[in-house]
């Protein structure tokens, strides 16, 4: 695996348990675990809709902006909201 493939970034929906209420989205930095051959959480930052006056669009826009910056810092792939490619 090359250096830039050791990490990747994605955006996931963010829920509160136990009733699974959607409250925002989260930018997740994933690290490749070569021992288990799977992706593991390395870091996560939540973007709550309430912090953006209840606007889902503003929260997602900020999450996408920060995901692009994080992918640039780690020189890795940004999967945005589509994680299917990273699990194959």
C-alpha atoms as a PDB file:
ATOM      1  CA  UNK A   1       0.000   0.000   0.000  1.00  0.00           C
ATOM      2  CA  UNK A   2       1.357   3.431  -0.883  1.00  0.00           C
ATOM      3  CA  UNK A   3       1.521   6.269   1.596  1.00  0.00           C
ATOM      4  CA  UNK A   4      -1.589   8.097   0.395  1.00  0.00           C
ATOM      5  CA  UNK A   5      -3.655   4.894   0.610  1.00  0.00           C
ATOM      6  CA  UNK A   6      -3.073   4.531   4.347  1.00  0.00           C
ATOM      7  CA  UNK A   7      -5.761   7.135   5.062  1.00  0.00           C
ATOM      8  CA  UNK A   8      -9.030   8.261   3.534  1.00  0.00           C
ATOM      9  CA  UNK A   9     -11.796  10.729   4.369  1.00  0.00           C
ATOM     10  CA  UNK A  10     -15.572  10.342   4.231  1.00  0.00           C
ATOM     11  CA  UNK A  11     -18.733  12.104   5.377  1.00  0.00           C
ATOM     12  CA  UNK A  12     -21.348  10.156   7.324  1.00  0.00           C
ATOM     13  CA  UNK A  13     -24.752  10.944   8.782  1.00  0.00           C
ATOM     14  CA  UNK A  14     -24.600  11.678  12.509  1.00  0.00           C
ATOM     15  CA  UNK A  15     -27.295  10.226  14.770  1.00  0.00           C
ATOM     16  CA  UNK A  16     -28.156  10.361  18.458  1.00  0.00           C
ATOM     17  CA  UNK A  17     -29.053   7.081  20.125  1.00  0.00           C
ATOM     18  CA  UNK A  18     -31.261   5.390  21.245  1.00  0.00           C
ATOM     19  CA  UNK A  19     -33.927   6.650  18.826  1.00  0.00           C
ATOM     20  CA  UNK A  20     -31.498   7.312  15.933  1.00  0.00           C
ATOM     21  CA  UNK A  21     -32.452  10.966  15.508  1.00  0.00           C
ATOM     22  CA  UNK A  22     -30.529  12.525  12.624  1.00  0.00           C
ATOM     23  CA  UNK A  23     -28.774  15.596  14.032  1.00  0.00           C
ATOM     24  CA  UNK A  24     -26.034  16.318  11.506  1.00  0.00           C
ATOM     25  CA  UNK A  25     -23.128  14.904   9.586  1.00  0.00           C
ATOM     26  CA  UNK A  26     -19.585  13.972  10.531  1.00  0.00           C
ATOM     27  CA  UNK A  27     -16.262  14.093   8.697  1.00  0.00           C
ATOM     28  CA  UNK A  28     -14.354  10.883   9.410  1.00  0.00           C
ATOM     29  CA  UNK A  29     -10.651  10.282   8.885  1.00  0.00           C
ATOM     30  CA  UNK A  30     -10.061   6.559   8.368  1.00  0.00           C
ATOM     31  CA  UNK A  31      -6.733   4.775   8.880  1.00  0.00           C
ATOM     32  CA  UNK A  32      -5.900   1.472   7.200  1.00  0.00           C
ATOM     33  CA  UNK A  33      -5.090  -1.309   9.653  1.00  0.00           C
ATOM     34  CA  UNK A  34      -2.768  -3.633   7.753  1.00  0.00           C
ATOM     35  CA  UNK A  35      -2.981  -6.327  10.432  1.00  0.00           C
ATOM     36  CA  UNK A  36      -6.780  -6.696  10.187  1.00  0.00           C
ATOM     37  CA  UNK A  37      -6.947  -5.514   6.550  1.00  0.00           C
ATOM     38  CA  UNK A  38      -9.758  -3.069   7.332  1.00  0.00           C
ATOM     39  CA  UNK A  39     -10.430   0.637   7.843  1.00  0.00           C
ATOM     40  CA  UNK A  40     -10.557   2.033  11.402  1.00  0.00           C
ATOM     41  CA  UNK A  41     -11.660   5.404  12.767  1.00  0.00           C
ATOM     42  CA  UNK A  42      -8.710   7.723  13.251  1.00  0.00           C
ATOM     43  CA  UNK A  43     -10.645  10.933  13.914  1.00  0.00           C
ATOM     44  CA  UNK A  44     -14.145  12.371  13.595  1.00  0.00           C
ATOM     45  CA  UNK A  45     -15.664  15.834  13.698  1.00  0.00           C
ATOM     46  CA  UNK A  46     -19.419  16.380  13.969  1.00  0.00           C
ATOM     47  CA  UNK A  47     -21.324  19.126  12.168  1.00  0.00           C
ATOM     48  CA  UNK A  48     -24.661  19.503  13.942  1.00  0.00           C
ATOM     49  CA  UNK A  49     -27.507  21.083  12.035  1.00  0.00           C
ATOM     50  CA  UNK A  50     -28.356  23.162  15.110  1.00  0.00           C
ATOM     51  CA  UNK A  51     -24.929  24.859  14.938  1.00  0.00           C
ATOM     52  CA  UNK A  52     -25.847  26.107  11.454  1.00  0.00           C
ATOM     53  CA  UNK A  53     -29.321  27.462  12.363  1.00  0.00           C
ATOM     54  CA  UNK A  54     -30.924  24.143  11.492  1.00  0.00           C
ATOM     55  CA  UNK A  55     -29.668  24.249   7.899  1.00  0.00           C
ATOM     56  CA  UNK A  56     -28.671  20.823   6.610  1.00  0.00           C
ATOM     57  CA  UNK A  57     -27.245  22.400   3.465  1.00  0.00           C
ATOM     58  CA  UNK A  58     -24.900  24.726   5.391  1.00  0.00           C
ATOM     59  CA  UNK A  59     -23.712  21.926   7.676  1.00  0.00           C
ATOM     60  CA  UNK A  60     -23.011  19.615   4.727  1.00  0.00           C
ATOM     61  CA  UNK A  61     -21.271  22.420   2.802  1.00  0.00           C
ATOM     62  CA  UNK A  62     -18.921  23.069   5.756  1.00  0.00           C
ATOM     63  CA  UNK A  63     -18.316  19.329   6.209  1.00  0.00           C
ATOM     64  CA  UNK A  64     -17.419  18.959   2.525  1.00  0.00           C
ATOM     65  CA  UNK A  65     -15.068  21.942   2.697  1.00  0.00           C
ATOM     66  CA  UNK A  66     -13.283  20.525   5.739  1.00  0.00           C
ATOM     67  CA  UNK A  67     -13.159  17.022   4.206  1.00  0.00           C
ATOM     68  CA  UNK A  68     -11.383  18.435   1.131  1.00  0.00           C
ATOM     69  CA  UNK A  69      -8.866  20.233   3.374  1.00  0.00           C
ATOM     70  CA  UNK A  70      -8.262  17.111   5.470  1.00  0.00           C
ATOM     71  CA  UNK A  71      -7.751  14.959   2.368  1.00  0.00           C
ATOM     72  CA  UNK A  72      -5.222  17.522   1.129  1.00  0.00           C
ATOM     73  CA  UNK A  73      -3.333  17.481   4.424  1.00  0.00           C
ATOM     74  CA  UNK A  74      -3.085  13.681   4.489  1.00  0.00           C
ATOM     75  CA  UNK A  75      -2.711  13.389   0.694  1.00  0.00           C
ATOM     76  CA  UNK A  76      -5.487  10.818   0.608  1.00  0.00           C
ATOM     77  CA  UNK A  77      -8.757  10.020  -1.160  1.00  0.00           C
ATOM     78  CA  UNK A  78     -11.903  11.947  -0.255  1.00  0.00           C
ATOM     79  CA  UNK A  79     -14.909   9.636  -0.622  1.00  0.00           C
ATOM     80  CA  UNK A  80     -17.360  12.442   0.272  1.00  0.00           C
ATOM     81  CA  UNK A  81     -20.706  10.796   1.148  1.00  0.00           C
ATOM     82  CA  UNK A  82     -20.077   7.650  -0.946  1.00  0.00           C
ATOM     83  CA  UNK A  83     -18.039   5.112   1.030  1.00  0.00           C
ATOM     84  CA  UNK A  84     -18.702   2.165  -1.274  1.00  0.00           C
ATOM     85  CA  UNK A  85     -15.313   2.442  -2.976  1.00  0.00           C
ATOM     86  CA  UNK A  86     -13.315   2.248   0.233  1.00  0.00           C
ATOM     87  CA  UNK A  87     -14.936  -1.010   1.409  1.00  0.00           C
ATOM     88  CA  UNK A  88     -14.135  -2.978  -1.765  1.00  0.00           C
END
